[in-house]
Amino acid sequence: MTYGLSKNGNRVIKYAGYIFAFHVKNGIKERWRCSLQFSGCRARIIKVGDNVIDLYNNHNHLPKYIH
């Protein structure tokens, strides 16, 4: 899992060939959505600090990049 910025300067996570965009922070939990969420992909990552507490990595598309 690596962190970076999108072309627009938004925070992203790269994981297993997929890109997740920061969505919302609720208290101490951060929710990240697949960057292709608007194409119907429901994959997500939920983190507390540096720890992943929930990972739904079931995408409806192929990876965007090769790591």
C-alpha atoms as a PDB file:
ATOM      1  CA  MET A   1       0.000   0.000   0.000  1.00  0.00           C
ATOM      2  CA  THR A   2       1.459   3.319  -1.058  1.00  0.00           C
ATOM      3  CA  TYR A   3       0.197   6.868  -0.688  1.00  0.00           C
ATOM      4  CA  GLY A   4       0.299   9.641  -3.246  1.00  0.00           C
ATOM      5  CA  LEU A   5      -1.583  12.452  -4.924  1.00  0.00           C
ATOM      6  CA  SER A   6      -3.923  12.337  -7.896  1.00  0.00           C
ATOM      7  CA  LYS A   7      -3.527  14.601 -10.936  1.00  0.00           C
ATOM      8  CA  ASN A   8      -5.859  17.043  -9.150  1.00  0.00           C
ATOM      9  CA  GLY A   9      -3.810  17.001  -5.945  1.00  0.00           C
ATOM     10  CA  ASN A  10      -6.206  14.774  -3.966  1.00  0.00           C
ATOM     11  CA  ARG A  11      -4.901  12.062  -1.643  1.00  0.00           C
ATOM     12  CA  VAL A  12      -4.882   8.521  -3.052  1.00  0.00           C
ATOM     13  CA  ILE A  13      -3.851   5.040  -1.951  1.00  0.00           C
ATOM     14  CA  LYS A  14      -2.421   2.561  -4.453  1.00  0.00           C
ATOM     15  CA  TYR A  15      -3.087  -1.035  -3.458  1.00  0.00           C
ATOM     16  CA  ALA A  16      -2.794  -4.248  -5.489  1.00  0.00           C
ATOM     17  CA  GLY A  17      -2.933  -2.351  -8.780  1.00  0.00           C
ATOM     18  CA  TYR A  18      -6.005  -0.296  -7.853  1.00  0.00           C
ATOM     19  CA  ILE A  19      -6.308   3.343  -6.868  1.00  0.00           C
ATOM     20  CA  PHE A  20      -8.462   4.445  -3.930  1.00  0.00           C
ATOM     21  CA  ALA A  21      -9.456   8.079  -3.394  1.00  0.00           C
ATOM     22  CA  PHE A  22     -10.026   9.619   0.027  1.00  0.00           C
ATOM     23  CA  HIS A  23     -13.750  10.014   0.662  1.00  0.00           C
ATOM     24  CA  VAL A  24     -14.501  11.093   4.236  1.00  0.00           C
ATOM     25  CA  LYS A  25     -13.149  11.091   7.789  1.00  0.00           C
ATOM     26  CA  ASN A  26     -15.630  10.223  10.519  1.00  0.00           C
ATOM     27  CA  GLY A  27     -14.035  10.618  13.931  1.00  0.00           C
ATOM     28  CA  ILE A  28     -10.870   8.530  13.761  1.00  0.00           C
ATOM     29  CA  LYS A  29     -11.949   6.408  10.762  1.00  0.00           C
ATOM     30  CA  GLU A  30     -11.007   7.328   7.202  1.00  0.00           C
ATOM     31  CA  ARG A  31     -13.024   5.918   4.295  1.00  0.00           C
ATOM     32  CA  TRP A  32     -11.369   5.496   0.891  1.00  0.00           C
ATOM     33  CA  ARG A  33     -13.286   4.534  -2.257  1.00  0.00           C
ATOM     34  CA  CYS A  34     -12.114   2.989  -5.502  1.00  0.00           C
ATOM     35  CA  SER A  35     -11.286   5.723  -7.992  1.00  0.00           C
ATOM     36  CA  LEU A  36     -13.802   4.143 -10.402  1.00  0.00           C
ATOM     37  CA  GLN A  37     -16.672   4.356  -7.913  1.00  0.00           C
ATOM     38  CA  PHE A  38     -18.776   6.325 -10.386  1.00  0.00           C
ATOM     39  CA  SER A  39     -18.553   3.383 -12.790  1.00  0.00           C
ATOM     40  CA  GLY A  40     -20.251   1.231 -10.171  1.00  0.00           C
ATOM     41  CA  CYS A  41     -17.213  -0.166  -8.352  1.00  0.00           C
ATOM     42  CA  ARG A  42     -17.950  -0.696  -4.653  1.00  0.00           C
ATOM     43  CA  ALA A  43     -14.415  -1.467  -3.424  1.00  0.00           C
ATOM     44  CA  ARG A  44     -13.315   0.429  -0.317  1.00  0.00           C
ATOM     45  CA  ILE A  45     -10.726   0.714   2.421  1.00  0.00           C
ATOM     46  CA  ILE A  46     -11.471   1.862   5.974  1.00  0.00           C
ATOM     47  CA  LYS A  47      -8.482   2.924   8.074  1.00  0.00           C
ATOM     48  CA  VAL A  48      -7.774   4.068  11.609  1.00  0.00           C
ATOM     49  CA  GLY A  49      -4.407   5.789  11.608  1.00  0.00           C
ATOM     50  CA  ASP A  50      -2.059   3.552   9.617  1.00  0.00           C
ATOM     51  CA  ASN A  51      -4.124   0.405  10.269  1.00  0.00           C
ATOM     52  CA  VAL A  52      -6.571  -1.006   7.729  1.00  0.00           C
ATOM     53  CA  ILE A  53      -9.635  -2.187   9.660  1.00  0.00           C
ATOM     54  CA  ASP A  54     -11.849  -3.069   6.669  1.00  0.00           C
ATOM     55  CA  LEU A  55     -10.897  -3.930   3.104  1.00  0.00           C
ATOM     56  CA  TYR A  56     -13.463  -4.739   0.443  1.00  0.00           C
ATOM     57  CA  ASN A  57     -11.229  -5.289  -2.580  1.00  0.00           C
ATOM     58  CA  ASN A  58     -13.861  -6.789  -4.904  1.00  0.00           C
ATOM     59  CA  HIS A  59     -13.669  -4.612  -8.028  1.00  0.00           C
ATOM     60  CA  ASN A  60     -15.841  -4.775 -11.153  1.00  0.00           C
ATOM     61  CA  HIS A  61     -12.894  -3.820 -13.411  1.00  0.00           C
ATOM     62  CA  LEU A  62      -9.242  -4.608 -14.021  1.00  0.00           C
ATOM     63  CA  PRO A  63      -6.416  -2.801 -12.175  1.00  0.00           C
ATOM     64  CA  LYS A  64      -5.464   0.667 -13.449  1.00  0.00           C
ATOM     65  CA  TYR A  65      -1.707   0.314 -12.997  1.00  0.00           C
ATOM     66  CA  ILE A  66       0.983  -2.321 -12.583  1.00  0.00           C
ATOM     67  CA  HIS A  67       2.948  -2.038  -9.354  1.00  0.00           C
END
